[in-house]
Amino acid sequence: MATLNRPGNPYLKAALGTAAMPIASRPNSCSPRIARHGRMKAIGATQHSILTAAWHMLAYGECYQDPGATIFTRRDPVQAKNDAVKRLNALGYRDCNLKRCNSRELGGCRD
């Protein structure tokens, strides 16, 4: 499904493209998006994210507050735990009891 960019300020579009290219080219920032949709769509999505953040800062008169590296863990801790378990299983670790416990008493996960 092809999408069209709407007509607008060409100077703003060029500035956003210049800012979005290095962000979209970083290996960990947009790699799933690039793999699914291609490099240009990843750049367009990054441009949209930059523009949305700038609009919110200007509209509400606030400075940017970085949500931090733990935003997804705080937003949905159960999903974060499930993702971590899937990554451990993919690395070959067995699925041990994942109940919260004191690792000093139990000595960690044992076979």
N, C-alpha and C. Protein backbone atom coordinates (compact mmCIF):
# COMPACT_ATOMS: atom_id res chain seq x y z
N MET A 1 0.84 -1.16 0.00
CA MET A 1 0.00 0.00 0.00
C MET A 1 0.89 1.24 0.00
N ALA A 2 0.77 2.02 -1.02
CA ALA A 2 1.59 3.22 -1.15
C ALA A 2 0.90 4.39 -0.45
N THR A 3 1.69 5.24 0.13
CA THR A 3 1.15 6.43 0.75
C THR A 3 1.81 7.64 0.14
N LEU A 4 1.10 8.73 0.12
CA LEU A 4 1.63 9.97 -0.44
C LEU A 4 1.95 10.93 0.69
N ASN A 5 3.05 11.65 0.51
CA ASN A 5 3.33 12.75 1.43
C ASN A 5 2.48 13.93 1.01
N ARG A 6 1.86 14.56 1.95
CA ARG A 6 1.00 15.68 1.64
C ARG A 6 1.85 16.90 1.31
N PRO A 7 1.33 17.79 0.47
CA PRO A 7 2.10 18.99 0.13
C PRO A 7 2.24 19.88 1.36
N GLY A 8 3.38 20.52 1.45
CA GLY A 8 3.63 21.37 2.59
C GLY A 8 4.87 22.20 2.35
N ASN A 9 5.42 22.71 3.40
CA ASN A 9 6.60 23.56 3.33
C ASN A 9 7.81 22.71 2.92
N PRO A 10 8.40 22.97 1.75
CA PRO A 10 9.54 22.14 1.32
C PRO A 10 10.78 22.34 2.19
N TYR A 11 10.92 23.51 2.78
CA TYR A 11 12.08 23.78 3.64
C TYR A 11 11.96 23.00 4.95
N LEU A 12 10.75 22.96 5.50
CA LEU A 12 10.53 22.18 6.71
C LEU A 12 10.73 20.69 6.43
N LYS A 13 10.24 20.24 5.28
CA LYS A 13 10.39 18.84 4.91
C LYS A 13 11.87 18.47 4.76
N ALA A 14 12.66 19.38 4.17
CA ALA A 14 14.09 19.12 4.01
C ALA A 14 14.80 19.11 5.36
N ALA A 15 14.42 20.04 6.24
CA ALA A 15 15.06 20.09 7.56
C ALA A 15 14.71 18.85 8.38
N LEU A 16 13.45 18.42 8.32
CA LEU A 16 13.06 17.22 9.04
C LEU A 16 13.75 15.98 8.47
N GLY A 17 13.91 15.94 7.14
CA GLY A 17 14.59 14.82 6.51
C GLY A 17 16.05 14.77 6.91
N THR A 18 16.69 15.94 7.00
CA THR A 18 18.09 16.00 7.42
C THR A 18 18.24 15.53 8.86
N ALA A 19 17.30 15.88 9.72
CA ALA A 19 17.36 15.46 11.13
C ALA A 19 16.99 13.99 11.29
N ALA A 20 16.10 13.48 10.45
CA ALA A 20 15.59 12.12 10.63
C ALA A 20 16.51 11.05 10.04
N MET A 21 17.30 11.40 9.03
CA MET A 21 18.13 10.38 8.38
C MET A 21 19.12 9.70 9.32
N PRO A 22 19.91 10.44 10.12
CA PRO A 22 20.82 9.72 11.01
C PRO A 22 20.10 8.93 12.10
N ILE A 23 18.94 9.42 12.54
CA ILE A 23 18.18 8.69 13.57
C ILE A 23 17.67 7.38 12.99
N ALA A 24 17.10 7.43 11.78
CA ALA A 24 16.54 6.24 11.15
C ALA A 24 17.62 5.27 10.69
N SER A 25 18.85 5.76 10.54
CA SER A 25 19.94 4.91 10.07
C SER A 25 20.65 4.18 11.20
N ARG A 26 20.39 4.59 12.46
CA ARG A 26 21.02 3.90 13.59
C ARG A 26 20.52 2.47 13.64
N PRO A 27 21.39 1.53 13.96
CA PRO A 27 21.00 0.11 13.90
C PRO A 27 19.85 -0.26 14.82
N ASN A 28 19.76 0.31 16.00
CA ASN A 28 18.75 -0.13 16.96
C ASN A 28 17.50 0.73 16.97
N SER A 29 17.49 1.86 16.27
CA SER A 29 16.35 2.75 16.41
C SER A 29 15.17 2.34 15.54
N CYS A 30 15.41 2.08 14.28
CA CYS A 30 14.30 1.79 13.36
C CYS A 30 14.49 0.50 12.59
N SER A 31 15.37 -0.38 13.03
CA SER A 31 15.67 -1.56 12.22
C SER A 31 14.44 -2.44 11.95
N PRO A 32 13.52 -2.65 12.92
CA PRO A 32 12.34 -3.44 12.56
C PRO A 32 11.46 -2.73 11.53
N ARG A 33 11.37 -1.41 11.68
CA ARG A 33 10.56 -0.63 10.74
C ARG A 33 11.18 -0.67 9.35
N ILE A 34 12.52 -0.56 9.27
CA ILE A 34 13.20 -0.61 7.97
C ILE A 34 13.01 -1.98 7.35
N ALA A 35 13.13 -3.03 8.14
CA ALA A 35 12.99 -4.38 7.61
C ALA A 35 11.59 -4.62 7.05
N ARG A 36 10.58 -4.08 7.72
CA ARG A 36 9.21 -4.31 7.27
C ARG A 36 8.81 -3.40 6.12
N HIS A 37 9.17 -2.11 6.21
CA HIS A 37 8.58 -1.13 5.29
C HIS A 37 9.58 -0.43 4.39
N GLY A 38 10.85 -0.54 4.65
CA GLY A 38 11.84 0.13 3.81
C GLY A 38 12.39 1.38 4.48
N ARG A 39 13.53 1.81 3.97
CA ARG A 39 14.27 2.92 4.57
C ARG A 39 13.51 4.24 4.48
N MET A 40 12.88 4.53 3.35
CA MET A 40 12.21 5.82 3.19
C MET A 40 11.00 5.95 4.11
N LYS A 41 10.28 4.87 4.31
CA LYS A 41 9.13 4.93 5.23
C LYS A 41 9.61 5.08 6.67
N ALA A 42 10.75 4.48 7.00
CA ALA A 42 11.31 4.66 8.34
C ALA A 42 11.72 6.11 8.55
N ILE A 43 12.30 6.72 7.54
CA ILE A 43 12.67 8.14 7.64
C ILE A 43 11.41 8.99 7.77
N GLY A 44 10.37 8.67 6.99
CA GLY A 44 9.11 9.43 7.09
C GLY A 44 8.46 9.29 8.46
N ALA A 45 8.51 8.10 9.03
CA ALA A 45 7.94 7.90 10.37
C ALA A 45 8.75 8.66 11.42
N THR A 46 10.08 8.69 11.25
CA THR A 46 10.93 9.44 12.18
C THR A 46 10.67 10.93 12.06
N GLN A 47 10.47 11.41 10.83
CA GLN A 47 10.12 12.82 10.63
C GLN A 47 8.82 13.16 11.36
N HIS A 48 7.85 12.27 11.25
CA HIS A 48 6.57 12.49 11.91
C HIS A 48 6.74 12.54 13.43
N SER A 49 7.57 11.65 13.98
CA SER A 49 7.81 11.65 15.43
C SER A 49 8.47 12.95 15.89
N ILE A 50 9.44 13.43 15.11
CA ILE A 50 10.12 14.69 15.46
C ILE A 50 9.13 15.83 15.42
N LEU A 51 8.32 15.89 14.36
CA LEU A 51 7.36 16.98 14.22
C LEU A 51 6.30 16.95 15.32
N THR A 52 5.85 15.76 15.69
CA THR A 52 4.86 15.64 16.76
C THR A 52 5.44 16.11 18.10
N ALA A 53 6.69 15.71 18.38
CA ALA A 53 7.32 16.15 19.63
C ALA A 53 7.51 17.66 19.64
N ALA A 54 7.93 18.24 18.50
CA ALA A 54 8.12 19.69 18.43
C ALA A 54 6.79 20.42 18.61
N TRP A 55 5.72 19.89 18.01
CA TRP A 55 4.42 20.54 18.15
C TRP A 55 3.95 20.54 19.60
N HIS A 56 4.12 19.42 20.27
CA HIS A 56 3.70 19.35 21.67
C HIS A 56 4.50 20.31 22.54
N MET A 57 5.79 20.44 22.28
CA MET A 57 6.61 21.36 23.07
C MET A 57 6.18 22.80 22.83
N LEU A 58 5.88 23.15 21.57
CA LEU A 58 5.48 24.52 21.26
C LEU A 58 4.06 24.81 21.74
N ALA A 59 3.15 23.85 21.59
CA ALA A 59 1.75 24.07 21.95
C ALA A 59 1.55 24.21 23.46
N TYR A 60 2.31 23.45 24.24
CA TYR A 60 2.12 23.47 25.68
C TYR A 60 3.22 24.23 26.42
N GLY A 61 4.20 24.75 25.69
CA GLY A 61 5.25 25.53 26.31
C GLY A 61 6.12 24.74 27.27
N GLU A 62 6.32 23.47 26.99
CA GLU A 62 7.11 22.62 27.87
C GLU A 62 8.41 22.22 27.19
N CYS A 63 9.40 21.91 28.00
CA CYS A 63 10.64 21.36 27.48
C CYS A 63 10.47 19.86 27.31
N TYR A 64 11.30 19.28 26.47
CA TYR A 64 11.23 17.84 26.24
C TYR A 64 11.69 17.10 27.48
N GLN A 65 10.92 16.12 27.90
CA GLN A 65 11.30 15.27 29.03
C GLN A 65 11.46 13.85 28.50
N ASP A 66 12.69 13.37 28.55
CA ASP A 66 12.99 12.03 28.05
C ASP A 66 12.29 11.01 28.94
N PRO A 67 11.49 10.10 28.35
CA PRO A 67 10.80 9.11 29.16
C PRO A 67 11.73 8.08 29.80
N GLY A 68 12.95 8.00 29.33
CA GLY A 68 13.92 7.10 29.94
C GLY A 68 13.94 5.74 29.28
N ALA A 69 14.93 4.97 29.64
CA ALA A 69 15.13 3.66 29.03
C ALA A 69 14.12 2.64 29.52
N THR A 70 13.49 2.89 30.64
CA THR A 70 12.56 1.91 31.22
C THR A 70 11.10 2.23 30.92
N ILE A 71 10.83 3.02 29.90
CA ILE A 71 9.45 3.43 29.61
C ILE A 71 8.55 2.22 29.32
N PHE A 72 9.05 1.25 28.54
CA PHE A 72 8.20 0.11 28.20
C PHE A 72 8.05 -0.84 29.37
N THR A 73 9.06 -0.93 30.22
CA THR A 73 8.96 -1.76 31.41
C THR A 73 7.94 -1.17 32.38
N ARG A 74 7.96 0.15 32.52
CA ARG A 74 6.99 0.79 33.43
C ARG A 74 5.60 0.77 32.84
N ARG A 75 5.48 0.88 31.52
CA ARG A 75 4.16 0.92 30.89
C ARG A 75 3.45 -0.42 30.98
N ASP A 76 4.19 -1.52 30.72
CA ASP A 76 3.58 -2.85 30.75
C ASP A 76 4.59 -3.85 31.28
N PRO A 77 4.70 -3.99 32.62
CA PRO A 77 5.71 -4.87 33.19
C PRO A 77 5.53 -6.35 32.83
N VAL A 78 4.30 -6.80 32.67
CA VAL A 78 4.07 -8.20 32.33
C VAL A 78 4.61 -8.50 30.93
N GLN A 79 4.35 -7.61 30.00
CA GLN A 79 4.85 -7.79 28.63
C GLN A 79 6.38 -7.74 28.60
N ALA A 80 6.98 -6.85 29.39
CA ALA A 80 8.44 -6.77 29.46
C ALA A 80 9.03 -8.07 29.99
N LYS A 81 8.38 -8.65 31.01
CA LYS A 81 8.85 -9.92 31.55
C LYS A 81 8.74 -11.03 30.52
N ASN A 82 7.61 -11.09 29.81
CA ASN A 82 7.42 -12.12 28.79
C ASN A 82 8.45 -11.99 27.66
N ASP A 83 8.76 -10.75 27.27
CA ASP A 83 9.76 -10.54 26.23
C ASP A 83 11.14 -11.01 26.69
N ALA A 84 11.47 -10.72 27.95
CA ALA A 84 12.77 -11.14 28.49
C ALA A 84 12.86 -12.67 28.55
N VAL A 85 11.77 -13.34 28.92
CA VAL A 85 11.76 -14.80 28.98
C VAL A 85 11.94 -15.39 27.57
N LYS A 86 11.28 -14.79 26.58
CA LYS A 86 11.42 -15.26 25.20
C LYS A 86 12.86 -15.11 24.73
N ARG A 87 13.50 -13.99 25.08
CA ARG A 87 14.89 -13.79 24.67
C ARG A 87 15.80 -14.80 25.34
N LEU A 88 15.57 -15.09 26.63
CA LEU A 88 16.38 -16.09 27.33
C LEU A 88 16.18 -17.48 26.72
N ASN A 89 14.94 -17.83 26.40
CA ASN A 89 14.67 -19.13 25.78
C ASN A 89 15.33 -19.23 24.41
N ALA A 90 15.35 -18.13 23.66
CA ALA A 90 16.00 -18.13 22.35
C ALA A 90 17.51 -18.32 22.48
N LEU A 91 18.08 -17.90 23.61
CA LEU A 91 19.51 -18.08 23.84
C LEU A 91 19.85 -19.46 24.38
N GLY A 92 18.83 -20.28 24.65
CA GLY A 92 19.07 -21.64 25.09
C GLY A 92 18.91 -21.86 26.57
N TYR A 93 18.54 -20.85 27.34
CA TYR A 93 18.31 -21.05 28.76
C TYR A 93 16.96 -21.72 28.95
N ARG A 94 16.90 -22.62 29.94
CA ARG A 94 15.64 -23.31 30.17
C ARG A 94 14.67 -22.37 30.87
N ASP A 95 13.40 -22.67 30.76
CA ASP A 95 12.36 -21.84 31.35
C ASP A 95 12.21 -22.22 32.81
N CYS A 96 12.82 -21.45 33.70
CA CYS A 96 12.75 -21.78 35.13
C CYS A 96 11.57 -21.07 35.77
N ASN A 97 11.31 -21.38 37.01
CA ASN A 97 10.20 -20.79 37.74
C ASN A 97 10.42 -19.28 37.84
N LEU A 98 9.47 -18.50 37.34
CA LEU A 98 9.66 -17.06 37.24
C LEU A 98 8.94 -16.29 38.35
N LYS A 99 8.56 -16.98 39.42
CA LYS A 99 7.95 -16.27 40.52
C LYS A 99 8.99 -15.41 41.20
N ARG A 100 8.55 -14.29 41.72
CA ARG A 100 9.46 -13.38 42.39
C ARG A 100 9.93 -14.03 43.69
N CYS A 101 11.24 -14.14 43.86
CA CYS A 101 11.76 -14.78 45.05
C CYS A 101 13.07 -14.11 45.45
N ASN A 102 13.53 -14.46 46.61
CA ASN A 102 14.80 -13.93 47.08
C ASN A 102 15.90 -14.86 46.56
N SER A 103 16.70 -14.36 45.64
CA SER A 103 17.70 -15.21 45.00
C SER A 103 18.79 -15.63 45.97
N ARG A 104 18.99 -14.90 47.06
CA ARG A 104 20.01 -15.29 48.04
C ARG A 104 19.58 -16.56 48.77
N GLU A 105 18.29 -16.69 49.06
CA GLU A 105 17.81 -17.88 49.75
C GLU A 105 17.85 -19.09 48.86
N LEU A 106 17.42 -18.92 47.59
CA LEU A 106 17.28 -20.06 46.70
C LEU A 106 18.52 -20.32 45.88
N GLY A 107 19.45 -19.39 45.85
CA GLY A 107 20.65 -19.59 45.04
C GLY A 107 20.39 -19.44 43.56
N GLY A 108 19.32 -18.76 43.18
CA GLY A 108 19.03 -18.57 41.77
C GLY A 108 18.29 -19.75 41.17
N CYS A 109 18.25 -19.80 39.87
CA CYS A 109 17.54 -20.85 39.15
C CYS A 109 18.47 -22.04 38.96
N ARG A 110 18.06 -23.19 39.44
CA ARG A 110 18.91 -24.39 39.36
C ARG A 110 18.25 -25.45 38.53
N ASP A 111 19.05 -26.36 38.00
CA ASP A 111 18.51 -27.49 37.24
C ASP A 111 17.96 -28.56 38.16
